[in-house]
């Protein structure tokens, strides 16, 4: 059984503070019902968030990090509630 470690996730994040911040935000999204980005087992949300970060599926949206990204991303406000598979609406 493979276990996720902080060192695996730190390779994707710049430092421990960024890792904690990124993990917290992604865990909150998962708790609100967001779809997982990796094939899930019956893991807790925090473990899933760490696995997604280690796999490179979740990145820190810092302007320095986004310079190399060519895709257009639509920002999701923190207050957005994820219910079912409905698209979020920004008014």
N, C-alpha and C. Protein backbone atom coordinates (compact mmCIF):
# COMPACT_ATOMS: atom_id res chain seq x y z
N UNK A 1 0.85 -1.18 0.00
CA UNK A 1 0.00 0.00 0.00
C UNK A 1 0.90 1.24 0.00
N UNK A 2 0.72 2.06 -0.98
CA UNK A 2 1.52 3.29 -1.08
C UNK A 2 0.94 4.35 -0.15
N UNK A 3 1.82 5.06 0.49
CA UNK A 3 1.40 6.13 1.39
C UNK A 3 1.88 7.46 0.86
N UNK A 4 1.07 8.47 1.05
CA UNK A 4 1.45 9.83 0.64
C UNK A 4 2.28 10.45 1.75
N UNK A 5 3.34 11.13 1.37
CA UNK A 5 4.17 11.80 2.36
C UNK A 5 4.25 13.27 2.02
N UNK A 6 4.65 14.05 2.98
CA UNK A 6 4.81 15.49 2.78
C UNK A 6 5.89 15.74 1.74
N UNK A 7 6.93 14.92 1.73
CA UNK A 7 8.02 15.10 0.77
C UNK A 7 7.54 14.94 -0.67
N UNK A 8 6.60 14.00 -0.91
CA UNK A 8 6.05 13.83 -2.25
C UNK A 8 5.32 15.09 -2.71
N UNK A 9 4.57 15.67 -1.82
CA UNK A 9 3.80 16.87 -2.15
C UNK A 9 4.67 18.11 -2.21
N UNK A 10 5.73 18.14 -1.42
CA UNK A 10 6.64 19.30 -1.42
C UNK A 10 7.37 19.47 -2.74
N UNK A 11 7.49 18.40 -3.52
CA UNK A 11 8.13 18.52 -4.82
C UNK A 11 7.29 19.39 -5.75
N UNK A 12 5.98 19.46 -5.53
CA UNK A 12 5.10 20.27 -6.36
C UNK A 12 4.92 21.67 -5.79
N UNK A 13 4.89 21.80 -4.47
CA UNK A 13 4.73 23.11 -3.83
C UNK A 13 6.12 23.71 -3.60
N UNK A 14 6.17 25.02 -3.47
CA UNK A 14 7.47 25.68 -3.31
C UNK A 14 8.04 25.55 -1.91
N UNK A 15 7.17 25.54 -0.89
CA UNK A 15 7.64 25.41 0.49
C UNK A 15 6.50 24.83 1.34
N UNK A 16 6.77 24.60 2.59
CA UNK A 16 5.77 23.98 3.47
C UNK A 16 4.55 24.87 3.69
N UNK A 17 4.76 26.18 3.78
CA UNK A 17 3.64 27.08 3.96
C UNK A 17 2.71 27.01 2.75
N UNK A 18 3.27 27.05 1.55
CA UNK A 18 2.46 26.96 0.33
C UNK A 18 1.73 25.63 0.27
N UNK A 19 2.39 24.55 0.70
CA UNK A 19 1.75 23.24 0.70
C UNK A 19 0.57 23.20 1.65
N UNK A 20 0.73 23.74 2.84
CA UNK A 20 -0.36 23.76 3.82
C UNK A 20 -1.52 24.59 3.29
N UNK A 21 -1.22 25.73 2.72
CA UNK A 21 -2.26 26.61 2.18
C UNK A 21 -3.00 25.94 1.02
N UNK A 22 -2.28 25.33 0.11
CA UNK A 22 -2.87 24.65 -1.04
C UNK A 22 -3.70 23.45 -0.61
N UNK A 23 -3.18 22.69 0.33
CA UNK A 23 -3.90 21.52 0.83
C UNK A 23 -5.19 21.92 1.53
N UNK A 24 -5.14 22.99 2.30
CA UNK A 24 -6.33 23.47 2.99
C UNK A 24 -7.41 23.91 2.00
N UNK A 25 -7.01 24.67 1.00
CA UNK A 25 -8.00 25.13 0.01
C UNK A 25 -8.62 23.97 -0.75
N UNK A 26 -7.79 23.02 -1.18
CA UNK A 26 -8.31 21.89 -1.95
C UNK A 26 -9.18 20.99 -1.08
N UNK A 27 -8.81 20.81 0.18
CA UNK A 27 -9.63 20.00 1.09
C UNK A 27 -11.00 20.63 1.29
N UNK A 28 -11.04 21.94 1.44
CA UNK A 28 -12.34 22.62 1.57
C UNK A 28 -13.20 22.43 0.33
N UNK A 29 -12.59 22.50 -0.84
CA UNK A 29 -13.34 22.27 -2.07
C UNK A 29 -13.90 20.85 -2.11
N UNK A 30 -13.10 19.88 -1.70
CA UNK A 30 -13.56 18.49 -1.70
C UNK A 30 -14.68 18.28 -0.69
N UNK A 31 -14.57 18.93 0.46
CA UNK A 31 -15.63 18.81 1.47
C UNK A 31 -16.94 19.42 1.00
N UNK A 32 -16.86 20.42 0.11
CA UNK A 32 -18.06 21.05 -0.43
C UNK A 32 -18.65 20.26 -1.60
N UNK A 33 -17.98 19.20 -2.02
CA UNK A 33 -18.54 18.34 -3.05
C UNK A 33 -17.84 18.40 -4.40
N UNK A 34 -16.69 18.98 -4.48
CA UNK A 34 -15.96 19.05 -5.74
C UNK A 34 -15.53 17.65 -6.18
N UNK A 35 -15.46 17.43 -7.49
CA UNK A 35 -15.04 16.15 -8.03
C UNK A 35 -13.54 15.94 -7.77
N UNK A 36 -13.16 14.71 -7.48
CA UNK A 36 -11.75 14.42 -7.29
C UNK A 36 -11.05 14.36 -8.64
N UNK A 37 -9.78 14.72 -8.66
CA UNK A 37 -9.01 14.76 -9.90
C UNK A 37 -8.20 13.50 -10.13
N UNK A 38 -8.18 12.62 -9.16
CA UNK A 38 -7.49 11.34 -9.29
C UNK A 38 -8.48 10.25 -8.95
N UNK A 39 -8.15 9.04 -9.36
CA UNK A 39 -9.04 7.94 -9.02
C UNK A 39 -9.03 7.76 -7.53
N UNK A 40 -10.21 7.86 -6.95
CA UNK A 40 -10.29 7.84 -5.50
C UNK A 40 -10.52 6.47 -4.92
N UNK A 41 -9.90 6.30 -3.82
CA UNK A 41 -10.22 5.16 -2.98
C UNK A 41 -11.07 5.76 -1.88
N UNK A 42 -11.31 5.02 -0.86
CA UNK A 42 -12.08 5.56 0.26
C UNK A 42 -11.14 6.28 1.21
N UNK A 43 -10.56 7.38 0.72
CA UNK A 43 -9.65 8.18 1.53
C UNK A 43 -10.39 9.40 2.07
N UNK A 44 -9.86 9.94 3.14
CA UNK A 44 -10.39 11.19 3.63
C UNK A 44 -10.01 12.29 2.66
N UNK A 45 -10.71 13.42 2.75
CA UNK A 45 -10.52 14.51 1.80
C UNK A 45 -9.11 15.07 1.85
N UNK A 46 -8.53 15.15 3.03
CA UNK A 46 -7.17 15.71 3.14
C UNK A 46 -6.14 14.81 2.47
N UNK A 47 -6.32 13.50 2.58
CA UNK A 47 -5.41 12.57 1.92
C UNK A 47 -5.57 12.67 0.41
N UNK A 48 -6.82 12.79 -0.05
CA UNK A 48 -7.08 12.95 -1.48
C UNK A 48 -6.44 14.23 -1.99
N UNK A 49 -6.56 15.32 -1.23
CA UNK A 49 -5.96 16.60 -1.63
C UNK A 49 -4.45 16.47 -1.74
N UNK A 50 -3.81 15.82 -0.78
CA UNK A 50 -2.36 15.62 -0.83
C UNK A 50 -1.95 14.74 -2.01
N UNK A 51 -2.74 13.71 -2.30
CA UNK A 51 -2.45 12.86 -3.45
C UNK A 51 -2.58 13.63 -4.76
N UNK A 52 -3.58 14.51 -4.86
CA UNK A 52 -3.76 15.32 -6.06
C UNK A 52 -2.59 16.29 -6.24
N UNK A 53 -2.12 16.87 -5.15
CA UNK A 53 -0.98 17.79 -5.22
C UNK A 53 0.27 17.03 -5.64
N UNK A 54 0.52 15.87 -5.04
CA UNK A 54 1.69 15.08 -5.37
C UNK A 54 1.67 14.61 -6.83
N UNK A 55 0.47 14.37 -7.36
CA UNK A 55 0.34 13.93 -8.76
C UNK A 55 0.45 15.08 -9.74
N UNK A 56 0.47 16.31 -9.23
CA UNK A 56 0.58 17.48 -10.11
C UNK A 56 -0.74 17.91 -10.69
N UNK A 57 -1.85 17.43 -10.16
CA UNK A 57 -3.18 17.78 -10.67
C UNK A 57 -3.67 19.11 -10.11
N UNK A 58 -3.14 19.52 -8.96
CA UNK A 58 -3.52 20.78 -8.33
C UNK A 58 -2.26 21.62 -8.20
N UNK A 59 -2.35 22.87 -8.64
CA UNK A 59 -1.19 23.75 -8.59
C UNK A 59 -1.55 25.03 -7.85
N UNK A 60 -0.55 25.65 -7.29
CA UNK A 60 -0.73 26.91 -6.59
C UNK A 60 -0.89 28.01 -7.63
N UNK A 61 -1.95 28.79 -7.55
CA UNK A 61 -2.26 29.81 -8.56
C UNK A 61 -1.55 31.12 -8.24
N UNK A 62 -0.24 31.07 -8.16
CA UNK A 62 0.57 32.26 -7.94
C UNK A 62 0.95 32.82 -9.30
N UNK A 63 0.98 34.14 -9.47
CA UNK A 63 1.30 34.71 -10.79
C UNK A 63 2.60 34.16 -11.39
N UNK A 64 3.60 33.89 -10.57
CA UNK A 64 4.85 33.32 -11.08
C UNK A 64 4.63 31.93 -11.65
N UNK A 65 3.73 31.15 -11.01
CA UNK A 65 3.46 29.80 -11.48
C UNK A 65 2.62 29.81 -12.75
N UNK A 66 1.77 30.82 -12.92
CA UNK A 66 0.87 30.86 -14.06
C UNK A 66 1.52 31.37 -15.34
N UNK A 67 2.73 31.92 -15.24
CA UNK A 67 3.40 32.43 -16.45
C UNK A 67 3.68 31.31 -17.45
N UNK A 68 3.98 30.12 -16.96
CA UNK A 68 4.30 29.01 -17.85
C UNK A 68 3.05 28.27 -18.34
N UNK A 69 1.89 28.57 -17.78
CA UNK A 69 0.65 27.90 -18.15
C UNK A 69 0.02 28.65 -19.32
N UNK A 70 -0.33 27.91 -20.37
CA UNK A 70 -0.90 28.55 -21.55
C UNK A 70 -2.42 28.46 -21.59
N UNK A 71 -3.01 27.61 -20.78
CA UNK A 71 -4.46 27.44 -20.79
C UNK A 71 -5.15 28.60 -20.08
N UNK A 72 -6.37 28.85 -20.46
CA UNK A 72 -7.18 29.88 -19.81
C UNK A 72 -7.91 29.24 -18.64
N UNK A 73 -7.76 29.81 -17.46
CA UNK A 73 -8.43 29.28 -16.29
C UNK A 73 -9.49 30.26 -15.82
N UNK A 74 -10.61 29.72 -15.37
CA UNK A 74 -11.69 30.52 -14.83
C UNK A 74 -11.61 30.40 -13.32
N UNK A 75 -11.41 31.51 -12.65
CA UNK A 75 -11.26 31.51 -11.20
C UNK A 75 -12.58 31.19 -10.52
N UNK A 76 -12.52 30.38 -9.48
CA UNK A 76 -13.71 30.03 -8.71
C UNK A 76 -13.60 30.73 -7.36
N UNK A 77 -14.58 31.58 -7.02
CA UNK A 77 -14.53 32.26 -5.73
C UNK A 77 -14.57 31.27 -4.57
N UNK A 78 -13.95 31.63 -3.45
CA UNK A 78 -13.91 30.75 -2.29
C UNK A 78 -15.30 30.47 -1.72
N UNK A 79 -16.23 31.43 -1.90
CA UNK A 79 -17.56 31.28 -1.31
C UNK A 79 -18.45 30.34 -2.12
N UNK A 80 -17.99 29.86 -3.25
CA UNK A 80 -18.81 29.03 -4.13
C UNK A 80 -19.12 27.70 -3.46
N UNK A 81 -20.38 27.32 -3.49
CA UNK A 81 -20.82 26.05 -2.95
C UNK A 81 -20.93 25.05 -4.09
N UNK A 82 -20.38 23.87 -3.92
CA UNK A 82 -20.46 22.83 -4.93
C UNK A 82 -21.56 21.87 -4.53
N UNK A 83 -22.62 21.83 -5.32
CA UNK A 83 -23.73 20.94 -5.04
C UNK A 83 -24.01 20.15 -6.30
N UNK A 84 -23.89 18.84 -6.23
CA UNK A 84 -24.13 18.01 -7.40
C UNK A 84 -23.12 18.29 -8.50
N UNK A 85 -23.57 18.15 -9.74
CA UNK A 85 -22.69 18.38 -10.87
C UNK A 85 -23.07 19.65 -11.61
N UNK A 86 -23.78 20.54 -10.96
CA UNK A 86 -24.20 21.77 -11.60
C UNK A 86 -23.01 22.70 -11.77
N UNK A 87 -23.07 23.52 -12.80
CA UNK A 87 -22.03 24.53 -13.00
C UNK A 87 -22.25 25.67 -12.00
N UNK A 88 -21.19 26.27 -11.57
CA UNK A 88 -21.29 27.39 -10.66
C UNK A 88 -21.69 28.63 -11.44
N UNK A 89 -22.39 29.51 -10.77
CA UNK A 89 -22.87 30.74 -11.41
C UNK A 89 -22.28 31.92 -10.68
N UNK A 90 -21.66 32.83 -11.44
CA UNK A 90 -21.11 34.05 -10.87
C UNK A 90 -22.02 35.19 -11.31
N UNK A 91 -22.57 35.87 -10.36
CA UNK A 91 -23.49 36.97 -10.69
C UNK A 91 -22.83 38.30 -10.43
